[in-house]
Amino acid sequence: MIRIDAMWLAAEPIDMRAGAERLLARVVQVFGAAQAHHGYLFANARGTRIKLLVHDGFGVWCAARRLNAGRFVWPGATNVTSSLSLTPAQFDALVLGLPWQRLAELSVITRA
C-alpha cells in the first residue's frame, strides 16, 4: 500500500491528457516541490475525471478515475485558492462522487 500523509486538491482544472511528468511539473509550480507521501488531486474542466499523483519517496504514482455517471464534486477555481487540503474522509467521499465539502453537516441529524 502507498502511504499518503497529506492530500491536496488542485482547484484549477487540468487537461486529462497530462501524464505523470506534466502533473508533477504543475505540483512543483503551485507548491514549490512535491513532498514525499503527499497526494495531489486534479480534475478536468467538466469534473468527469480525476487524476491522483502520489510521491512515495522514491518516485511518483499516477492513477486516474472516472464515474460511470455524474460528476465529481469539485470547488470552482474562483471560489478558493489554487489548492485545498483534504482529510481522508473527504478524499473517500470525493472519489465516490459524494458532497465531500458537507461531511461535517451531514454527520449530524437535527430536528428542523
Protein backbone atom coordinates (compact mmCIF):
# COMPACT_ATOMS: atom_id res chain seq x y z
CA MET A 1 0.00 0.00 0.00
CA ILE A 2 1.22 3.51 -0.73
CA ARG A 3 1.43 5.74 2.32
CA ILE A 4 -0.26 9.14 1.94
CA ASP A 5 0.13 11.53 4.86
CA ALA A 6 -1.46 14.58 3.24
CA MET A 7 -3.86 15.04 0.35
CA TRP A 8 -4.06 18.20 -1.75
CA LEU A 9 -6.77 19.13 -4.23
CA ALA A 10 -5.83 21.38 -7.17
CA ALA A 11 -8.81 23.67 -7.73
CA GLU A 12 -7.91 24.69 -11.28
CA PRO A 13 -8.85 22.15 -13.98
CA ILE A 14 -6.16 20.39 -15.99
CA ASP A 15 -6.15 18.60 -19.34
CA MET A 16 -6.56 14.89 -18.60
CA ARG A 17 -4.09 14.01 -21.36
CA ALA A 18 -1.43 15.16 -18.89
CA GLY A 19 0.76 12.34 -17.67
CA ALA A 20 2.81 11.99 -14.50
CA GLU A 21 5.56 14.35 -15.71
CA ARG A 22 3.20 17.20 -16.57
CA LEU A 23 1.23 16.76 -13.35
CA LEU A 24 4.47 16.75 -11.38
CA ALA A 25 5.52 19.97 -13.11
CA ARG A 26 2.19 21.52 -12.09
CA VAL A 27 2.68 20.41 -8.46
CA VAL A 28 6.15 21.97 -8.39
CA GLN A 29 4.78 25.16 -9.97
CA VAL A 30 1.99 25.52 -7.37
CA PHE A 31 3.66 24.12 -4.23
CA GLY A 32 7.36 24.67 -4.95
CA ALA A 33 8.09 20.94 -4.58
CA ALA A 34 6.37 17.55 -4.46
CA GLN A 35 6.60 16.31 -0.89
CA ALA A 36 7.16 12.63 -0.12
CA HIS A 37 3.99 10.80 0.98
CA HIS A 38 1.73 13.57 -0.30
CA GLY A 39 -1.04 13.07 -2.85
CA TYR A 40 -2.18 15.68 -5.36
CA LEU A 41 -5.64 15.50 -6.99
CA PHE A 42 -6.52 17.07 -10.34
CA ALA A 43 -9.79 17.17 -12.31
CA ASN A 44 -10.79 18.07 -15.85
CA ALA A 45 -12.91 21.17 -16.53
CA ARG A 46 -16.19 19.19 -16.67
CA GLY A 47 -15.48 17.35 -13.42
CA THR A 48 -15.97 13.94 -15.01
CA ARG A 49 -12.44 12.65 -14.48
CA ILE A 50 -9.78 12.94 -11.79
CA LYS A 51 -6.12 12.03 -11.56
CA LEU A 52 -4.11 11.42 -8.41
CA LEU A 53 -0.35 11.95 -8.31
CA VAL A 54 1.45 10.50 -5.28
CA HIS A 55 5.12 10.90 -4.41
CA ASP A 56 6.10 7.80 -2.42
CA GLY A 57 9.62 8.96 -1.51
CA PHE A 58 11.25 7.14 -4.43
CA GLY A 59 9.16 8.14 -7.43
CA VAL A 60 5.66 9.11 -8.44
CA TRP A 61 2.45 7.14 -8.97
CA CYS A 62 -0.33 8.39 -11.20
CA ALA A 63 -3.87 6.99 -11.05
CA ALA A 64 -7.00 8.03 -12.95
CA ARG A 65 -10.69 7.64 -12.11
CA ARG A 66 -13.96 8.44 -13.81
CA LEU A 67 -17.51 7.90 -12.68
CA ASN A 68 -19.92 5.86 -14.79
CA ALA A 69 -22.48 8.64 -14.37
CA GLY A 70 -22.46 12.13 -12.88
CA ARG A 71 -19.60 14.38 -11.91
CA PHE A 72 -17.10 14.72 -9.11
CA VAL A 73 -17.92 17.50 -6.64
CA TRP A 74 -15.13 19.99 -7.29
CA PRO A 75 -14.72 23.53 -5.99
CA GLY A 76 -14.74 26.32 -8.55
CA ALA A 77 -11.28 27.77 -9.15
CA THR A 78 -12.69 31.26 -8.47
CA ASN A 79 -14.05 30.29 -5.03
CA VAL A 80 -10.82 29.05 -3.46
CA THR A 81 -7.07 29.34 -3.59
CA SER A 82 -5.21 27.15 -6.07
CA SER A 83 -5.21 24.17 -3.69
CA LEU A 84 -7.03 22.70 -0.68
CA SER A 85 -6.04 20.12 1.90
CA LEU A 86 -8.37 17.12 2.25
CA THR A 87 -8.96 14.79 5.18
CA PRO A 88 -9.04 11.03 4.50
CA ALA A 89 -12.84 11.04 4.90
CA GLN A 90 -13.18 13.92 2.44
CA PHE A 91 -10.97 12.10 -0.08
CA ASP A 92 -13.02 8.91 0.27
CA ALA A 93 -16.24 10.85 -0.33
CA LEU A 94 -14.80 12.80 -3.26
CA VAL A 95 -13.67 9.75 -5.24
CA LEU A 96 -17.17 8.27 -4.82
CA GLY A 97 -18.74 11.45 -6.20
CA LEU A 98 -20.30 12.45 -2.87
CA PRO A 99 -20.55 16.02 -1.48
CA TRP A 100 -17.28 15.90 0.49
CA GLN A 101 -17.40 19.60 1.47
CA ARG A 102 -20.56 18.91 3.52
CA LEU A 103 -19.34 15.87 5.53
CA ALA A 104 -19.42 17.71 8.87
CA GLU A 105 -23.02 18.87 8.48
CA LEU A 106 -24.17 15.54 7.06
CA SER A 107 -22.79 13.63 10.06
CA VAL A 108 -25.30 15.25 12.42
CA ILE A 109 -29.06 14.81 12.27
CA THR A 110 -31.07 17.58 13.87
CA ARG A 111 -34.71 18.40 14.23
CA ALA A 112 -35.87 21.08 11.81
